[in-house]
Amino acid sequence: MKNPIGWFEIYVQDIPRAKQFYEAVFSVKLEELKMPDMETYTFPMSKKAMARLVR
């Protein structure tokens, strides 16, 4: 693959619900990433791609 995805964000309105959903679907634990003025949780790091939920 010449241009793999390196980072993506999933914007959500209800972050507790989205966090519960993605943790259940992918059997992972999302980690809170402290950022000013933004609520965000990251998926576990991977060699393939990195992602986070954002509200």
N, C-alpha and C. Protein backbone atom coordinates (compact mmCIF):
# COMPACT_ATOMS: atom_id res chain seq x y z
N MET A 1 0.84 -1.17 0.00
CA MET A 1 0.00 0.00 0.00
C MET A 1 0.89 1.24 0.00
N LYS A 2 0.71 2.12 -0.95
CA LYS A 2 1.57 3.29 -1.07
C LYS A 2 1.24 4.39 -0.07
N ASN A 3 -0.03 4.63 0.19
CA ASN A 3 -0.44 5.73 1.08
C ASN A 3 -1.40 5.24 2.16
N PRO A 4 -0.88 4.53 3.14
CA PRO A 4 -1.78 4.03 4.19
C PRO A 4 -2.27 5.18 5.07
N ILE A 5 -3.42 4.96 5.70
CA ILE A 5 -3.95 5.94 6.65
C ILE A 5 -3.08 5.92 7.89
N GLY A 6 -2.69 7.09 8.37
CA GLY A 6 -1.84 7.16 9.55
C GLY A 6 -2.59 7.64 10.78
N TRP A 7 -3.66 8.44 10.59
CA TRP A 7 -4.40 9.01 11.72
C TRP A 7 -5.81 9.32 11.28
N PHE A 8 -6.78 9.03 12.12
CA PHE A 8 -8.14 9.49 11.84
C PHE A 8 -8.87 9.78 13.14
N GLU A 9 -9.86 10.64 13.05
CA GLU A 9 -10.65 11.03 14.21
C GLU A 9 -12.13 10.76 13.94
N ILE A 10 -12.83 10.33 14.99
CA ILE A 10 -14.25 10.08 14.90
C ILE A 10 -14.93 11.10 15.81
N TYR A 11 -15.64 12.03 15.20
CA TYR A 11 -16.32 13.07 15.97
C TYR A 11 -17.69 12.56 16.42
N VAL A 12 -17.97 12.72 17.73
CA VAL A 12 -19.21 12.19 18.31
C VAL A 12 -19.85 13.24 19.22
N GLN A 13 -21.16 13.11 19.43
CA GLN A 13 -21.90 13.97 20.35
C GLN A 13 -21.94 13.37 21.76
N ASP A 14 -22.10 12.05 21.84
CA ASP A 14 -22.23 11.35 23.12
C ASP A 14 -21.00 10.47 23.31
N ILE A 15 -19.95 11.05 23.91
CA ILE A 15 -18.68 10.33 24.00
C ILE A 15 -18.75 9.10 24.91
N PRO A 16 -19.47 9.11 26.04
CA PRO A 16 -19.54 7.87 26.84
C PRO A 16 -20.18 6.72 26.05
N ARG A 17 -21.22 7.04 25.29
CA ARG A 17 -21.89 6.00 24.48
C ARG A 17 -20.97 5.49 23.37
N ALA A 18 -20.31 6.41 22.68
CA ALA A 18 -19.39 6.02 21.60
C ALA A 18 -18.22 5.20 22.15
N LYS A 19 -17.69 5.62 23.29
CA LYS A 19 -16.57 4.90 23.91
C LYS A 19 -16.99 3.47 24.25
N GLN A 20 -18.15 3.33 24.86
CA GLN A 20 -18.66 1.99 25.21
C GLN A 20 -18.84 1.14 23.95
N PHE A 21 -19.40 1.73 22.90
CA PHE A 21 -19.64 1.01 21.65
C PHE A 21 -18.33 0.52 21.04
N TYR A 22 -17.35 1.41 20.84
CA TYR A 22 -16.10 1.02 20.18
C TYR A 22 -15.27 0.06 21.03
N GLU A 23 -15.31 0.21 22.35
CA GLU A 23 -14.60 -0.74 23.20
C GLU A 23 -15.21 -2.14 23.07
N ALA A 24 -16.53 -2.21 22.97
CA ALA A 24 -17.21 -3.51 22.83
C ALA A 24 -16.97 -4.12 21.45
N VAL A 25 -17.10 -3.32 20.41
CA VAL A 25 -16.96 -3.83 19.04
C VAL A 25 -15.54 -4.32 18.76
N PHE A 26 -14.54 -3.55 19.19
CA PHE A 26 -13.14 -3.90 18.88
C PHE A 26 -12.41 -4.60 20.02
N SER A 27 -13.09 -4.83 21.14
CA SER A 27 -12.47 -5.48 22.32
C SER A 27 -11.18 -4.78 22.72
N VAL A 28 -11.26 -3.45 22.88
CA VAL A 28 -10.10 -2.65 23.28
C VAL A 28 -10.50 -1.72 24.42
N LYS A 29 -9.51 -1.12 25.04
CA LYS A 29 -9.72 -0.12 26.09
C LYS A 29 -9.24 1.22 25.54
N LEU A 30 -10.15 2.19 25.43
CA LEU A 30 -9.78 3.52 24.98
C LEU A 30 -9.20 4.31 26.14
N GLU A 31 -8.15 5.09 25.87
CA GLU A 31 -7.45 5.86 26.89
C GLU A 31 -7.79 7.34 26.75
N GLU A 32 -8.07 8.00 27.88
CA GLU A 32 -8.36 9.43 27.83
C GLU A 32 -7.08 10.20 27.48
N LEU A 33 -7.22 11.15 26.59
CA LEU A 33 -6.11 12.01 26.20
C LEU A 33 -6.51 13.42 26.60
N LYS A 34 -5.86 13.95 27.63
CA LYS A 34 -6.21 15.27 28.16
C LYS A 34 -5.80 16.36 27.18
N MET A 35 -6.79 17.15 26.78
CA MET A 35 -6.54 18.27 25.88
C MET A 35 -7.43 19.43 26.33
N PRO A 36 -6.93 20.66 26.25
CA PRO A 36 -7.76 21.80 26.65
C PRO A 36 -8.95 21.97 25.69
N ASP A 37 -10.11 22.21 26.27
CA ASP A 37 -11.33 22.50 25.49
C ASP A 37 -11.77 21.36 24.58
N MET A 38 -11.35 20.13 24.87
CA MET A 38 -11.73 19.01 24.02
C MET A 38 -11.75 17.74 24.86
N GLU A 39 -12.80 16.94 24.70
CA GLU A 39 -12.87 15.63 25.34
C GLU A 39 -12.48 14.60 24.29
N THR A 40 -11.47 13.81 24.57
CA THR A 40 -10.97 12.88 23.56
C THR A 40 -10.43 11.60 24.19
N TYR A 41 -10.64 10.49 23.49
CA TYR A 41 -10.14 9.17 23.90
C TYR A 41 -9.44 8.54 22.71
N THR A 42 -8.28 7.95 22.95
CA THR A 42 -7.53 7.34 21.86
C THR A 42 -7.69 5.82 21.89
N PHE A 43 -7.64 5.27 20.70
CA PHE A 43 -7.60 3.82 20.56
C PHE A 43 -6.18 3.37 20.86
N PRO A 44 -5.97 2.09 21.20
CA PRO A 44 -4.60 1.60 21.43
C PRO A 44 -3.72 1.86 20.20
N MET A 45 -2.46 2.19 20.45
CA MET A 45 -1.52 2.46 19.36
C MET A 45 -1.35 1.21 18.50
N SER A 46 -1.15 1.43 17.22
CA SER A 46 -1.00 0.34 16.27
C SER A 46 0.05 0.74 15.24
N LYS A 47 0.70 -0.23 14.66
CA LYS A 47 1.66 0.07 13.59
C LYS A 47 0.94 0.47 12.31
N LYS A 48 -0.35 0.16 12.23
CA LYS A 48 -1.11 0.42 10.99
C LYS A 48 -1.73 1.81 10.99
N ALA A 49 -2.43 2.19 12.04
CA ALA A 49 -3.09 3.50 12.08
C ALA A 49 -3.40 3.88 13.51
N MET A 50 -3.54 5.17 13.75
CA MET A 50 -3.92 5.67 15.07
C MET A 50 -5.24 6.41 14.93
N ALA A 51 -6.07 6.34 15.98
CA ALA A 51 -7.38 6.96 15.92
C ALA A 51 -7.80 7.46 17.28
N ARG A 52 -8.80 8.37 17.27
CA ARG A 52 -9.35 8.83 18.54
C ARG A 52 -10.80 9.27 18.34
N LEU A 53 -11.54 9.24 19.46
CA LEU A 53 -12.88 9.80 19.53
C LEU A 53 -12.73 11.24 19.99
N VAL A 54 -13.52 12.15 19.44
CA VAL A 54 -13.43 13.57 19.79
C VAL A 54 -14.83 14.13 20.00
N ARG A 55 -14.95 14.94 21.07
CA ARG A 55 -16.18 15.69 21.27
C ARG A 55 -15.82 17.12 21.57
